[in-house]
């Protein structure tokens, strides 16, 4: 595999990890919003909304974990390719 292809794969791995990190930040923000929905807001608490936000945050975290797992798998393959070259 030539250097430009290796660099392309490395960029893909880096992008997967960046997207996973950003997704985790989004999930954290949703959980903070969920806490706010349960607070003594002047408009009243919104338990249904809090549950939906938490559930969505869980799904985002799961997706982020899948991205990290894929990045790790690709990184392992890339290391083996580099060693064999």
Foldseek 3Di string as FASTA:
>chain_A
DDPVVLVVLVVLLVVLLVQLVVLLVVLVVLQVVLVVLQDCPVVGHDNVSSVVSNVVSVVSNVSSVVSNVVSVVSVVVSVVVVVVD
